[in-house]
Amino acid sequence: MAKKSTKASKSTKTTKKSVSKVTETKIKAEEAELARLKAENEALKAKVAAKTTTSVKEPKHRARSFFAGFFAVIAIVGFMLFNISYWVSYTITHTDKFVATMQPLLQDPAIQQALTTEIGTALFAQVNIEQELKNNLPPNVQFLAAPLAGQIQSFTTSKIGEVLASPQAEKAWETILQVGHQKILAYIENPNNDGTISVDDLYVLAGNSLSNTSVGFIFNKDIPDKIGSIQVAQIDGVEQARSAINALKNLSLVLGLTTLTSAILALLLSQNRKKMAIGLAAFSLIMMLSTLAALSLGSSQVSGAVEAQYAAAAESVYRIITAPLVAKTQAIALIFTLALVLTAIASNLKPFVWIRQNFRGALDWLISHIVGSWKGNGVFTWIGLNHTVLLWVGVGASLVAFALRTPPTVNGITNAIISIAIVTFIIEALASVSRTTKK
C-alpha cells in the first residue's frame, strides 16, 4: 500500500509540473502577444499622428514651394530683361558709351561701300551729267558725252569712297557724334536748355576735319539760312524722346530691384536653398544663351529687311551696335558657367569626388618626393586644417578681382579662371605638404 501511495504522489507532482509549465508557456505567449499588440498600437498611433501633421503642414509646404518657384521665374526673366534694358539705357544716355558704340560704323568696309553708293546716287540724281556735257560740248564730239559722264561718275564715286575711308573722315565722324550727342542729350534731359545745334554747326565741324582732303572745296560755301539754322528744338518727337529715356531709366531700375528681391525671396522660401541657388544660376545661364541666340537671329532678319545691295551694310550696322551687348551677355554666361562648374567640383558627386581624391593623391606623391623626411611646421599644419576655407576665400578673391566687374568682360572671366586655377593649386600643394609631413 505504501508503495502505491508513493507512486500516486509522484504522478501527481509530475502532473502539476506539466500543468505549471503549460500555464507558464501560455502566460509568456499571452504577454508576448500583448507586447506585440501594444507595439502595433503605438505604431498605428504614430502613423495617425504623422498623417494628421502632414495633412496640416502639406498645404503650407505646397504654397511655400509654389511661391519659391514663382519668384525664381520672375528673378530669371527679370534678369534677362534687365541685362538688355540696362545696356540700351546706358548706351543712349552716356555720350562716351554712345560714341564708342557708333564710331566703328564708319570703319566697316560694307558700310563705307553702301554710303558711297548712296551718296553718289543722290548726288548724280540732282545733276544729269550726260545732258550737261551734251549741252556744252561741240556738236562733233557730243558722242563723248555718255562715256565721259560714266568716267566722271566713276571718278567721283571713288573719291567719295576714299574720303569716307580716310582718317580725317573718321575724326570728323567722332566729333559729330561727340558734340551732337551731348547737345541732343542736354536738350532732351533739360527742357530749360536751348540745346542749340544747327546744320551750320555740323557743317563747320566736318569742314574743319576735311578741309585738307580732295573734297575740302565743298566746305567753303554758305548754307542757306533756312537750312543752316535748323535747331534740335525744332525737331519733332523731342518730348517723346525725353519720356522714352526717362521710362527706360526707370525700367532698368525697376527690373534690377525686382530681380534682386525675387531672387532673395526665392531662396528664403525654398526648402533646399542650395538647389534653388543652383537652379537660379542654371536657368539664368540658359536665358543668357537664349539672348545670344536671339541676337544672332536678329542679324539675319535685319539683312533680309533691306534691299539686297544694302544687306551687308545693314548686317554690319546691327552687328557693330549690338557688339557690346553680345560681349556683356557672353561674360555673364561665363560667370554662371563658372559658378556651376565650381559648385559641381566641390559637390559630393562620385565623379568629382574621384577626381579630387586622385588629384590629391598624385599631389601627395609628388610632394613626398620633394620634401623627403622633412617634418614641416605649424604653418603648414594650420593650412592643412583650414585649406577648404582658404580655397573658397581664394576663389572669392579671384572672382571679385577679375570677374565681378561692371560691365563684366570675357577677358575678366578668363583671368578669373586662370587666377582660380593658380590659387587652388598653391593651396592644395601647401595642404599636401601638411599631409605628407605628418606621415
Protein backbone atom coordinates (compact mmCIF):
# COMPACT_ATOMS: atom_id res chain seq x y z
CA MET A 1 0.00 0.00 0.00
CA ALA A 2 2.84 2.34 0.90
CA LYS A 3 4.46 1.77 -2.46
CA LYS A 4 1.20 2.52 -4.30
CA SER A 5 0.78 5.73 -2.30
CA THR A 6 4.32 6.87 -3.13
CA LYS A 7 3.77 6.24 -6.85
CA ALA A 8 0.49 8.17 -6.80
CA SER A 9 2.21 11.09 -5.10
CA LYS A 10 4.97 11.17 -7.68
CA SER A 11 2.41 11.04 -10.50
CA THR A 12 0.51 13.95 -9.01
CA LYS A 13 3.67 16.03 -8.72
CA THR A 14 4.57 15.27 -12.32
CA THR A 15 1.12 16.26 -13.49
CA LYS A 16 1.28 19.53 -11.53
CA LYS A 17 4.67 20.33 -13.02
CA SER A 18 3.33 19.70 -16.53
CA VAL A 19 0.30 21.86 -15.89
CA SER A 20 2.54 24.57 -14.43
CA LYS A 21 4.81 24.54 -17.47
CA VAL A 22 1.86 24.70 -19.84
CA THR A 23 0.39 27.57 -17.88
CA GLU A 24 3.70 29.40 -17.79
CA THR A 25 4.12 28.95 -21.55
CA LYS A 26 0.64 30.28 -22.17
CA ILE A 27 1.28 33.28 -19.94
CA LYS A 28 4.51 34.06 -21.74
CA ALA A 29 2.78 33.70 -25.11
CA GLU A 30 -0.02 35.96 -23.95
CA GLU A 31 2.46 38.51 -22.64
CA ALA A 32 4.37 38.42 -25.92
CA GLU A 33 1.14 38.84 -27.85
CA LEU A 34 0.13 41.68 -25.57
CA ALA A 35 3.50 43.38 -26.10
CA ARG A 36 3.17 42.95 -29.86
CA LEU A 37 -0.31 44.40 -29.82
CA LYS A 38 0.87 47.34 -27.73
CA ALA A 39 3.75 47.97 -30.13
CA GLU A 40 1.41 47.73 -33.09
CA ASN A 41 -0.99 50.09 -31.38
CA GLU A 42 1.78 52.60 -30.74
CA ALA A 43 2.92 52.31 -34.35
CA LEU A 44 -0.62 52.93 -35.58
CA LYS A 45 -0.93 55.93 -33.28
CA ALA A 46 2.35 57.30 -34.65
CA LYS A 47 1.14 56.83 -38.22
CA VAL A 48 -2.14 58.56 -37.46
CA ALA A 49 -0.27 61.44 -35.80
CA ALA A 50 2.14 61.70 -38.73
CA LYS A 51 -0.72 61.74 -41.23
CA THR A 52 -2.50 64.39 -39.23
CA THR A 53 0.64 66.54 -39.04
CA THR A 54 1.33 66.03 -42.74
CA SER A 55 -2.22 66.89 -43.67
CA VAL A 56 -1.91 70.11 -41.67
CA LYS A 57 1.54 71.10 -42.99
CA GLU A 58 1.20 69.90 -46.59
CA PRO A 59 -0.81 72.89 -47.83
CA LYS A 60 1.77 75.22 -46.25
CA HIS A 61 4.64 73.37 -47.92
CA ARG A 62 2.86 73.42 -51.27
CA ALA A 63 2.16 77.14 -51.03
CA ARG A 64 5.75 77.82 -50.00
CA SER A 65 7.14 75.76 -52.87
CA PHE A 66 4.78 77.46 -55.32
CA PHE A 67 5.82 80.95 -54.32
CA ALA A 68 9.51 79.96 -54.27
CA GLY A 69 9.19 78.79 -57.88
CA PHE A 70 7.12 81.84 -58.79
CA PHE A 71 9.75 84.28 -57.51
CA ALA A 72 12.51 82.21 -59.12
CA VAL A 73 10.87 82.58 -62.54
CA ILE A 74 10.45 86.33 -62.02
CA ALA A 75 14.11 86.64 -60.98
CA ILE A 76 15.38 84.73 -64.03
CA VAL A 77 13.20 86.52 -66.60
CA GLY A 78 13.73 89.87 -64.86
CA PHE A 79 17.50 89.46 -65.03
CA MET A 80 17.39 88.74 -68.75
CA LEU A 81 15.27 91.87 -69.38
CA PHE A 82 17.45 93.95 -67.06
CA ASN A 83 20.56 92.92 -68.99
CA ILE A 84 19.06 94.26 -72.22
CA SER A 85 17.33 97.38 -70.84
CA TYR A 86 20.41 98.48 -68.88
CA TRP A 87 22.59 98.19 -71.99
CA VAL A 88 20.12 100.23 -74.07
CA SER A 89 19.70 102.88 -71.37
CA TYR A 90 23.43 103.19 -70.65
CA THR A 91 24.33 103.41 -74.34
CA ILE A 92 21.75 106.08 -75.10
CA THR A 93 22.34 108.27 -72.05
CA HIS A 94 26.17 108.22 -71.83
CA THR A 95 28.00 110.10 -74.55
CA ASP A 96 31.28 108.20 -74.20
CA LYS A 97 29.48 104.87 -74.49
CA PHE A 98 27.37 106.12 -77.39
CA VAL A 99 30.43 107.33 -79.30
CA ALA A 100 32.37 104.12 -78.59
CA THR A 101 29.43 102.10 -79.92
CA MET A 102 28.74 104.17 -83.03
CA GLN A 103 32.26 105.20 -84.06
CA PRO A 104 33.22 101.81 -85.62
CA LEU A 105 30.35 102.14 -88.10
CA LEU A 106 32.33 104.33 -90.49
CA GLN A 107 35.30 101.98 -90.37
CA ASP A 108 33.38 99.00 -91.73
CA PRO A 109 34.01 98.31 -95.46
CA ALA A 110 30.42 97.20 -96.14
CA ILE A 111 29.03 100.39 -94.61
CA GLN A 112 31.56 102.53 -96.49
CA GLN A 113 30.50 100.89 -99.75
CA ALA A 114 26.81 101.42 -99.01
CA LEU A 115 27.38 105.08 -98.10
CA THR A 116 29.50 105.63 -101.21
CA THR A 117 26.76 104.18 -103.40
CA GLU A 118 24.01 106.13 -101.66
CA ILE A 119 25.87 109.47 -101.71
CA GLY A 120 26.85 109.01 -105.35
CA THR A 121 23.31 108.08 -106.36
CA ALA A 122 21.84 111.06 -104.50
CA LEU A 123 24.45 113.41 -105.94
CA PHE A 124 24.00 112.43 -109.57
CA ALA A 125 20.23 112.31 -109.22
CA GLN A 126 20.38 116.09 -108.90
CA VAL A 127 22.55 116.64 -111.97
CA ASN A 128 22.28 114.93 -115.36
CA ILE A 129 25.98 114.84 -116.19
CA GLU A 130 25.48 113.41 -119.66
CA GLN A 131 22.95 116.04 -120.62
CA GLU A 132 25.11 118.83 -119.25
CA LEU A 133 28.04 117.57 -121.31
CA LYS A 134 25.93 117.44 -124.44
CA ASN A 135 24.82 120.98 -123.84
CA ASN A 136 28.39 122.22 -123.52
CA LEU A 137 30.36 120.03 -125.95
CA PRO A 138 30.76 120.90 -129.65
CA PRO A 139 28.35 119.01 -131.91
CA ASN A 140 31.10 116.91 -133.46
CA VAL A 141 32.23 115.45 -130.09
CA GLN A 142 28.87 115.11 -128.34
CA PHE A 143 29.15 111.34 -128.81
CA LEU A 144 31.72 111.50 -125.99
CA ALA A 145 29.11 112.77 -123.53
CA ALA A 146 27.98 109.30 -122.38
CA PRO A 147 31.44 107.77 -121.78
CA LEU A 148 32.69 110.99 -120.20
CA ALA A 149 29.67 111.07 -117.89
CA GLY A 150 30.40 107.48 -116.85
CA GLN A 151 34.03 108.36 -116.15
CA ILE A 152 33.07 111.39 -114.11
CA GLN A 153 30.61 109.38 -112.05
CA SER A 154 33.13 106.58 -111.50
CA PHE A 155 35.87 109.05 -110.51
CA THR A 156 33.59 110.97 -108.18
CA THR A 157 32.29 107.80 -106.55
CA SER A 158 35.84 106.51 -105.96
CA LYS A 159 36.80 109.84 -104.37
CA ILE A 160 33.77 109.68 -102.10
CA GLY A 161 34.89 106.21 -101.01
CA GLU A 162 38.43 107.45 -100.36
CA VAL A 163 37.13 110.31 -98.22
CA LEU A 164 34.88 108.01 -96.18
CA ALA A 165 37.82 105.67 -95.54
CA SER A 166 40.23 108.46 -94.60
CA PRO A 167 41.42 109.21 -91.04
CA GLN A 168 40.04 112.74 -91.42
CA ALA A 169 36.54 111.42 -92.05
CA GLU A 170 36.85 109.13 -89.05
CA LYS A 171 37.87 112.07 -86.87
CA ALA A 172 35.01 114.19 -88.22
CA TRP A 173 32.56 111.35 -87.55
CA GLU A 174 33.78 111.05 -83.96
CA THR A 175 33.49 114.81 -83.43
CA ILE A 176 29.98 114.92 -84.86
CA LEU A 177 28.92 112.01 -82.64
CA GLN A 178 30.50 113.54 -79.53
CA VAL A 179 29.18 117.08 -79.93
CA GLY A 180 25.87 116.08 -81.46
CA HIS A 181 25.04 113.55 -78.77
CA GLN A 182 25.96 115.94 -75.96
CA LYS A 183 23.82 118.70 -77.40
CA ILE A 184 20.84 116.48 -78.13
CA LEU A 185 21.01 114.73 -74.75
CA ALA A 186 21.38 118.04 -72.92
CA TYR A 187 18.24 119.33 -74.59
CA ILE A 188 16.26 116.16 -74.07
CA GLU A 189 17.13 115.84 -70.38
CA ASN A 190 16.78 119.55 -69.57
CA PRO A 191 13.85 121.39 -71.18
CA ASN A 192 15.30 124.73 -70.00
CA ASN A 193 18.48 124.13 -72.01
CA ASP A 194 18.18 125.59 -75.51
CA GLY A 195 20.01 122.56 -76.87
CA THR A 196 21.05 124.55 -79.90
CA ILE A 197 22.71 122.53 -82.61
CA SER A 198 22.30 123.61 -86.21
CA VAL A 199 23.22 122.24 -89.58
CA ASP A 200 25.77 125.05 -89.73
CA ASP A 201 27.45 123.68 -86.56
CA LEU A 202 27.84 120.21 -88.06
CA TYR A 203 28.93 121.68 -91.38
CA VAL A 204 31.70 123.68 -89.70
CA LEU A 205 32.82 120.69 -87.63
CA ALA A 206 33.04 118.47 -90.70
CA GLY A 207 34.76 121.19 -92.70
CA ASN A 208 37.48 121.64 -90.09
CA SER A 209 38.36 117.96 -90.35
CA LEU A 210 38.03 117.56 -94.12
CA SER A 211 39.36 120.89 -95.36
CA ASN A 212 42.68 119.29 -96.43
CA THR A 213 41.10 116.44 -98.38
CA SER A 214 40.10 116.23 -102.02
CA VAL A 215 36.53 117.26 -101.10
CA GLY A 216 37.61 120.22 -98.98
CA PHE A 217 36.20 122.62 -101.58
CA ILE A 218 32.69 121.58 -100.54
CA PHE A 219 33.11 123.17 -97.12
CA ASN A 220 33.86 126.75 -98.14
CA LYS A 221 30.28 127.50 -99.09
CA ASP A 222 27.48 129.31 -97.30
CA ILE A 223 24.49 127.17 -96.36
CA PRO A 224 21.16 128.94 -96.85
CA ASP A 225 19.80 130.33 -93.58
CA LYS A 226 16.58 128.34 -93.76
CA ILE A 227 18.65 125.15 -93.77
CA GLY A 228 21.71 126.04 -91.74
CA SER A 229 19.75 127.46 -88.81
CA ILE A 230 17.66 124.35 -88.16
CA GLN A 231 17.89 123.58 -84.44
CA VAL A 232 17.28 120.48 -82.39
CA ALA A 233 14.42 122.25 -80.61
CA GLN A 234 12.55 122.29 -83.91
CA ILE A 235 12.79 118.55 -84.45
CA ASP A 236 9.54 116.67 -83.92
CA GLY A 237 9.47 113.96 -81.27
CA VAL A 238 11.85 115.52 -78.72
CA GLU A 239 9.21 115.41 -75.97
CA GLN A 240 8.51 111.77 -76.77
CA ALA A 241 12.24 111.05 -76.69
CA ARG A 242 12.51 112.66 -73.24
CA SER A 243 9.66 110.49 -71.94
CA ALA A 244 11.17 107.38 -73.54
CA ILE A 245 14.60 107.99 -71.97
CA ASN A 246 13.11 108.59 -68.52
CA ALA A 247 10.95 105.49 -68.87
CA LEU A 248 13.97 103.44 -69.95
CA LYS A 249 15.98 104.59 -66.95
CA ASN A 250 13.12 103.77 -64.59
CA LEU A 251 12.58 100.41 -66.28
CA SER A 252 16.21 99.40 -65.70
CA LEU A 253 15.96 100.39 -62.04
CA VAL A 254 12.67 98.56 -61.52
CA LEU A 255 13.91 95.43 -63.29
CA GLY A 256 17.13 95.43 -61.25
CA LEU A 257 15.31 95.75 -57.92
CA THR A 258 12.67 93.21 -58.96
CA THR A 259 15.32 90.68 -59.97
CA LEU A 260 17.28 91.08 -56.72
CA THR A 261 14.18 90.98 -54.49
CA SER A 262 12.69 87.98 -56.29
CA ALA A 263 15.95 86.02 -56.08
CA ILE A 264 16.19 86.66 -52.33
CA LEU A 265 12.55 85.65 -51.76
CA ALA A 266 13.00 82.50 -53.87
CA LEU A 267 15.99 81.48 -51.73
CA LEU A 268 14.22 82.26 -48.43
CA LEU A 269 11.06 80.32 -49.37
CA SER A 270 12.89 77.35 -50.87
CA GLN A 271 13.01 74.05 -48.94
CA ASN A 272 16.53 73.46 -50.28
CA ARG A 273 18.35 76.74 -50.74
CA LYS A 274 21.43 75.18 -52.26
CA LYS A 275 19.39 73.54 -55.01
CA MET A 276 17.47 76.79 -55.53
CA ALA A 277 20.72 78.75 -55.94
CA ILE A 278 22.00 76.18 -58.44
CA GLY A 279 18.68 76.31 -60.29
CA LEU A 280 18.75 80.11 -60.47
CA ALA A 281 22.28 80.04 -61.89
CA ALA A 282 21.49 77.25 -64.36
CA PHE A 283 18.32 78.82 -65.76
CA SER A 284 19.91 82.28 -65.84
CA LEU A 285 22.67 80.74 -67.95
CA ILE A 286 20.02 79.32 -70.28
CA MET A 287 18.40 82.75 -70.59
CA MET A 288 21.76 84.35 -71.43
CA LEU A 289 22.36 81.75 -74.12
CA SER A 290 18.83 82.38 -75.42
CA THR A 291 19.61 86.11 -75.59
CA LEU A 292 22.74 85.41 -77.62
CA ALA A 293 20.75 83.15 -79.95
CA ALA A 294 18.09 85.84 -80.41
CA LEU A 295 20.74 88.47 -81.19
CA SER A 296 22.32 86.17 -83.75
CA LEU A 297 18.92 85.53 -85.35
CA GLY A 298 18.26 89.27 -85.46
CA SER A 299 21.27 89.77 -87.72
CA SER A 300 19.74 87.66 -90.50
CA GLN A 301 16.36 89.31 -90.01
CA VAL A 302 17.84 92.80 -90.42
CA SER A 303 19.74 91.91 -93.59
CA GLY A 304 16.57 90.46 -95.09
CA ALA A 305 14.54 93.61 -94.37
CA VAL A 306 16.52 95.89 -96.73
CA GLU A 307 17.41 95.90 -100.39
CA ALA A 308 19.94 93.27 -101.44
CA GLN A 309 22.63 95.84 -102.22
CA TYR A 310 22.44 97.15 -98.64
CA ALA A 311 22.09 93.78 -96.89
CA ALA A 312 25.77 93.53 -95.96
CA ALA A 313 25.80 97.09 -94.63
CA ALA A 314 22.63 96.54 -92.59
CA GLU A 315 24.10 93.40 -91.09
CA SER A 316 27.31 95.27 -90.23
CA VAL A 317 25.36 98.10 -88.57
CA TYR A 318 23.38 95.62 -86.49
CA ARG A 319 26.49 93.63 -85.55
CA ILE A 320 28.54 96.68 -84.56
CA ILE A 321 25.78 98.31 -82.50
CA THR A 322 24.90 95.11 -80.64
CA ALA A 323 28.54 94.02 -80.15
CA PRO A 324 28.78 95.50 -76.60
CA LEU A 325 25.56 93.73 -75.55
CA VAL A 326 26.80 90.45 -77.03
CA ALA A 327 30.13 90.77 -75.22
CA LYS A 328 28.46 91.59 -71.90
CA THR A 329 25.96 88.74 -72.24
CA GLN A 330 28.77 86.29 -73.08
CA ALA A 331 30.66 87.40 -69.97
CA ILE A 332 27.59 86.95 -67.75
CA ALA A 333 27.00 83.50 -69.25
CA LEU A 334 30.61 82.59 -68.44
CA ILE A 335 30.14 83.78 -64.84
CA PHE A 336 27.15 81.49 -64.36
CA THR A 337 29.00 78.64 -66.08
CA LEU A 338 32.00 79.14 -63.79
CA ALA A 339 29.76 79.19 -60.72
CA LEU A 340 28.06 75.93 -61.76
CA VAL A 341 31.40 74.27 -62.54
CA LEU A 342 32.86 75.28 -59.16
CA THR A 343 29.74 74.01 -57.39
CA ALA A 344 29.94 70.68 -59.23
CA ILE A 345 33.65 70.28 -58.45
CA ALA A 346 33.02 70.93 -54.74
CA SER A 347 29.98 68.61 -54.61
CA ASN A 348 29.76 65.02 -53.34
CA LEU A 349 29.01 63.59 -56.76
CA LYS A 350 31.08 60.45 -57.28
CA PRO A 351 32.94 61.56 -60.45
CA PHE A 352 34.12 64.79 -58.80
CA VAL A 353 34.97 63.06 -55.52
CA TRP A 354 37.07 60.59 -57.53
CA ILE A 355 38.80 63.45 -59.37
CA ARG A 356 39.59 65.29 -56.12
CA GLN A 357 40.90 62.15 -54.42
CA ASN A 358 43.14 61.18 -57.33
CA PHE A 359 44.40 64.74 -57.78
CA ARG A 360 45.31 64.99 -54.11
CA GLY A 361 46.83 61.51 -54.17
CA ALA A 362 49.07 62.40 -57.10
CA LEU A 363 49.96 65.70 -55.44
CA ASP A 364 50.83 63.92 -52.19
CA TRP A 365 53.10 61.50 -54.06
CA LEU A 366 54.88 64.37 -55.79
CA ILE A 367 55.25 66.47 -52.62
CA SER A 368 56.51 63.50 -50.60
CA HIS A 369 59.36 63.05 -53.08
CA ILE A 370 60.17 66.75 -52.88
CA VAL A 371 60.11 67.28 -49.10
CA GLY A 372 61.60 63.90 -48.24
CA SER A 373 61.90 63.37 -44.48
CA TRP A 374 61.23 66.98 -43.54
CA LYS A 375 58.76 67.22 -40.65
CA GLY A 376 57.12 70.53 -41.60
CA ASN A 377 55.98 73.21 -39.15
CA GLY A 378 52.91 74.77 -37.60
CA VAL A 379 52.12 76.99 -40.56
CA PHE A 380 51.62 74.04 -42.88
CA THR A 381 49.61 72.26 -40.22
CA TRP A 382 47.30 75.26 -39.95
CA ILE A 383 46.92 75.41 -43.73
CA GLY A 384 46.09 71.73 -43.82
CA LEU A 385 43.37 72.16 -41.20
CA ASN A 386 41.85 75.20 -42.92
CA HIS A 387 42.57 74.53 -46.57
CA THR A 388 38.86 74.32 -47.55
CA VAL A 389 38.18 77.78 -46.14
CA LEU A 390 41.33 79.11 -47.78
CA LEU A 391 40.25 77.64 -51.11
CA TRP A 392 36.88 79.40 -51.06
CA VAL A 393 38.48 82.66 -49.92
CA GLY A 394 40.93 82.42 -52.82
CA VAL A 395 38.14 81.64 -55.29
CA GLY A 396 36.07 84.56 -53.99
CA ALA A 397 39.01 86.95 -54.17
CA SER A 398 39.72 85.90 -57.78
CA LEU A 399 36.09 86.45 -58.77
CA VAL A 400 35.95 89.87 -57.14
CA ALA A 401 39.28 90.95 -58.62
CA PHE A 402 38.65 89.85 -62.20
CA ALA A 403 35.12 88.61 -62.92
CA LEU A 404 32.66 90.74 -60.95
CA ARG A 405 33.17 93.98 -62.82
CA THR A 406 30.61 96.36 -64.33
CA PRO A 407 30.17 95.50 -67.07
CA PRO A 408 31.74 92.04 -66.94
CA THR A 409 34.07 91.07 -69.78
CA VAL A 410 35.17 87.79 -71.30
CA ASN A 411 38.80 88.70 -70.62
CA GLY A 412 37.94 89.34 -66.98
CA ILE A 413 36.32 85.90 -66.66
CA THR A 414 39.29 84.27 -68.38
CA ASN A 415 41.68 85.96 -65.96
CA ALA A 416 39.47 84.86 -63.06
CA ILE A 417 39.61 81.23 -64.22
CA ILE A 418 43.40 81.38 -64.52
CA SER A 419 43.67 83.00 -61.08
CA ILE A 420 41.37 80.39 -59.50
CA ALA A 421 43.43 77.56 -61.02
CA ILE A 422 46.70 79.02 -59.70
CA VAL A 423 45.31 79.76 -56.23
CA THR A 424 43.76 76.29 -56.00
CA PHE A 425 46.98 74.56 -56.98
CA ILE A 426 49.05 76.57 -54.47
CA ILE A 427 46.67 75.95 -51.55
CA GLU A 428 46.30 72.26 -52.40
CA ALA A 429 50.10 71.93 -52.65
CA LEU A 430 50.57 73.56 -49.22
CA ALA A 431 47.85 71.31 -47.76
CA SER A 432 49.64 68.34 -49.33
CA VAL A 433 52.84 69.37 -47.54
CA SER A 434 50.87 69.28 -44.30
CA ARG A 435 49.55 65.77 -45.03
CA THR A 436 52.82 64.28 -46.18
CA THR A 437 54.94 65.71 -43.34
CA LYS A 438 52.53 64.31 -40.76
CA LYS A 439 53.19 60.80 -42.07
